[in-house]
Protein backbone atom coordinates (compact mmCIF):
# COMPACT_ATOMS: atom_id res chain seq x y z
CA MET A 1 -14.91 7.96 -78.75
CA VAL A 2 -16.35 8.30 -75.28
CA GLU A 3 -19.03 10.65 -74.06
CA ALA A 4 -17.60 14.13 -73.62
CA CYS A 5 -17.35 15.56 -70.14
CA ALA A 6 -19.44 18.74 -70.39
CA ALA A 7 -17.61 20.44 -67.51
CA ARG A 8 -14.06 19.75 -68.67
CA SER A 9 -11.71 22.72 -68.90
CA LEU A 10 -10.39 22.70 -72.44
CA PRO A 11 -6.96 23.94 -73.49
CA ARG A 12 -6.48 27.04 -75.59
CA LEU A 13 -5.15 25.94 -78.96
CA THR A 14 -1.77 27.33 -79.97
CA ASP A 15 0.71 26.57 -82.74
CA ASP A 16 2.66 24.47 -80.22
CA ASN A 17 -0.23 22.23 -79.13
CA ARG A 18 -2.81 22.25 -81.94
CA SER A 19 -1.69 18.97 -83.53
CA PHE A 20 -1.82 17.17 -80.18
CA TRP A 21 -5.31 18.36 -79.12
CA THR A 22 -6.91 17.91 -82.56
CA SER A 23 -5.29 14.61 -83.57
CA GLY A 24 -8.07 12.50 -82.04
CA SER A 25 -10.34 13.48 -84.92
CA SER A 26 -8.53 10.78 -86.89
CA GLY A 27 -8.86 8.29 -84.02
CA ARG A 28 -5.09 8.33 -83.41
CA LEU A 29 -3.06 10.23 -80.87
CA HIS A 30 -0.24 12.31 -82.39
CA VAL A 31 2.67 13.42 -80.21
CA PRO A 32 5.39 15.87 -81.30
CA ARG A 33 8.68 14.07 -82.01
CA CYS A 34 12.05 15.73 -82.33
CA GLN A 35 13.49 15.42 -85.80
CA SER A 36 17.06 15.60 -84.40
CA CYS A 37 17.20 13.33 -81.32
CA ARG A 38 13.95 11.41 -82.12
CA ARG A 39 12.49 11.87 -78.60
CA TYR A 40 8.77 12.46 -78.15
CA VAL A 41 7.90 15.73 -76.44
CA LEU A 42 5.11 16.36 -73.90
CA PRO A 43 3.72 18.86 -73.16
CA ALA A 44 3.33 19.40 -76.87
CA SER A 45 5.81 21.88 -78.30
CA LEU A 46 7.34 22.82 -81.65
CA THR A 47 10.77 22.66 -79.99
CA CYS A 48 12.41 19.67 -78.30
CA SER A 49 12.95 20.16 -74.57
CA THR A 50 16.00 17.83 -74.72
CA CYS A 51 18.09 19.12 -77.64
CA GLY A 52 16.26 22.18 -78.96
CA GLY A 53 15.50 20.57 -82.32
CA SER A 54 12.24 21.07 -84.17
CA THR A 55 9.37 18.63 -83.68
CA THR A 56 6.81 17.12 -86.01
CA PRO A 57 3.60 15.40 -84.85
CA GLU A 58 3.74 11.62 -85.30
CA PRO A 59 1.07 9.02 -84.58
CA VAL A 60 1.68 6.80 -81.55
CA SER A 61 0.11 3.45 -80.72
CA GLY A 62 -2.21 4.86 -78.05
CA ARG A 63 -1.09 2.12 -75.66
CA ALA A 64 0.14 3.08 -72.21
CA ALA A 65 0.48 1.90 -68.61
CA VAL A 66 -0.71 3.59 -65.43
CA PHE A 67 2.25 5.27 -63.72
CA THR A 68 0.24 6.67 -60.79
CA TRP A 69 -3.32 7.70 -60.02
CA THR A 70 -5.68 9.19 -57.48
CA VAL A 71 -9.43 9.03 -57.06
CA ASN A 72 -11.45 12.20 -56.55
CA GLU A 73 -14.41 11.25 -54.34
CA HIS A 74 -15.80 14.79 -54.06
CA GLN A 75 -18.26 16.22 -56.55
CA PHE A 76 -16.55 19.37 -57.79
CA HIS A 77 -19.09 20.05 -60.57
CA PRO A 78 -22.81 19.19 -60.79
CA ASP A 79 -22.34 17.47 -64.18
CA ILE A 80 -19.52 15.19 -63.01
CA PRO A 81 -20.55 12.49 -60.55
CA PRO A 82 -17.75 11.06 -58.41
CA PRO A 83 -15.61 9.09 -58.39
CA THR A 84 -13.24 10.53 -61.00
CA ILE A 85 -9.96 8.73 -61.66
CA ILE A 86 -7.08 11.09 -62.37
CA ALA A 87 -3.97 9.36 -63.66
CA ILE A 88 -0.55 9.80 -65.16
CA VAL A 89 0.10 7.24 -67.86
CA VAL A 90 3.35 6.35 -69.61
CA LEU A 91 2.96 5.92 -73.36
CA ASP A 92 4.56 2.75 -74.75
CA GLU A 93 6.76 4.62 -77.22
CA GLN A 94 9.14 6.08 -74.63
CA ASP A 95 9.77 5.18 -70.98
CA ASP A 96 9.48 8.78 -69.77
CA LEU A 97 6.64 9.91 -72.06
CA ARG A 98 4.01 10.73 -69.44
CA LEU A 99 0.58 12.24 -69.84
CA ALA A 100 -1.89 13.44 -67.19
CA THR A 101 -5.37 12.19 -68.05
CA ASN A 102 -8.53 10.55 -66.76
CA LEU A 103 -9.23 6.83 -66.70
CA VAL A 104 -12.68 5.86 -67.95
CA ASP A 105 -14.74 2.67 -68.09
CA CYS A 106 -13.13 1.16 -65.00
CA ARG A 107 -13.73 1.02 -61.29
CA PRO A 108 -11.24 2.71 -58.94
CA ALA A 109 -10.71 -0.64 -57.20
CA ASP A 110 -9.43 -2.12 -60.49
CA VAL A 111 -6.70 0.47 -61.07
CA ARG A 112 -3.09 -0.46 -60.27
CA ILE A 113 0.37 0.72 -61.21
CA GLY A 114 1.31 -0.85 -64.52
CA LEU A 115 -2.32 -1.42 -65.62
CA PRO A 116 -2.32 -1.52 -69.45
CA VAL A 117 -4.60 1.15 -70.92
CA SER A 118 -5.37 2.54 -74.36
CA VAL A 119 -6.44 5.92 -75.60
CA ARG A 120 -9.97 7.01 -76.35
CA PHE A 121 -11.15 10.49 -77.16
CA GLU A 122 -13.82 12.86 -75.91
CA ASP A 123 -15.09 14.91 -78.84
CA HIS A 124 -15.33 18.60 -77.91
CA GLY A 125 -15.67 19.95 -81.45
CA GLU A 126 -12.19 20.98 -82.60
CA ILE A 127 -10.55 19.48 -79.49
CA PHE A 128 -10.39 15.73 -78.98
CA TYR A 129 -9.44 15.18 -75.35
CA PRO A 130 -7.43 11.97 -74.77
CA VAL A 131 -8.64 9.73 -71.94
CA PHE A 132 -7.58 6.14 -71.29
CA ALA A 133 -9.38 2.87 -70.52
CA PRO A 134 -8.17 -0.64 -69.62
């Protein structure tokens, strides 16, 4: 777990996304996976965006690589000092399984495409927000 960002906008929990946003309570990231074509589905949904099959949350390794990133140098909230690293990571389980997130515990100068990262969670009560660190 990492310190929770007090100013983070949290998602509204729905039947489609509840398992994804609450899975960090166990320390593992769970991503919906289609029971027909076996593809992982993000954003989280009860229905596969590829074949229309039903999905079931399955634990993933939590390992990923940085696909792209940007650094926010401007303080947009008094509780969040810049810089903030905003990234899209590709989870190891599937070459197109991408997740928008924040990188933590690293300097912007150390980030590069392909940087190996692993999931950590910010505890916001019922929601465990996935962030990634090298």
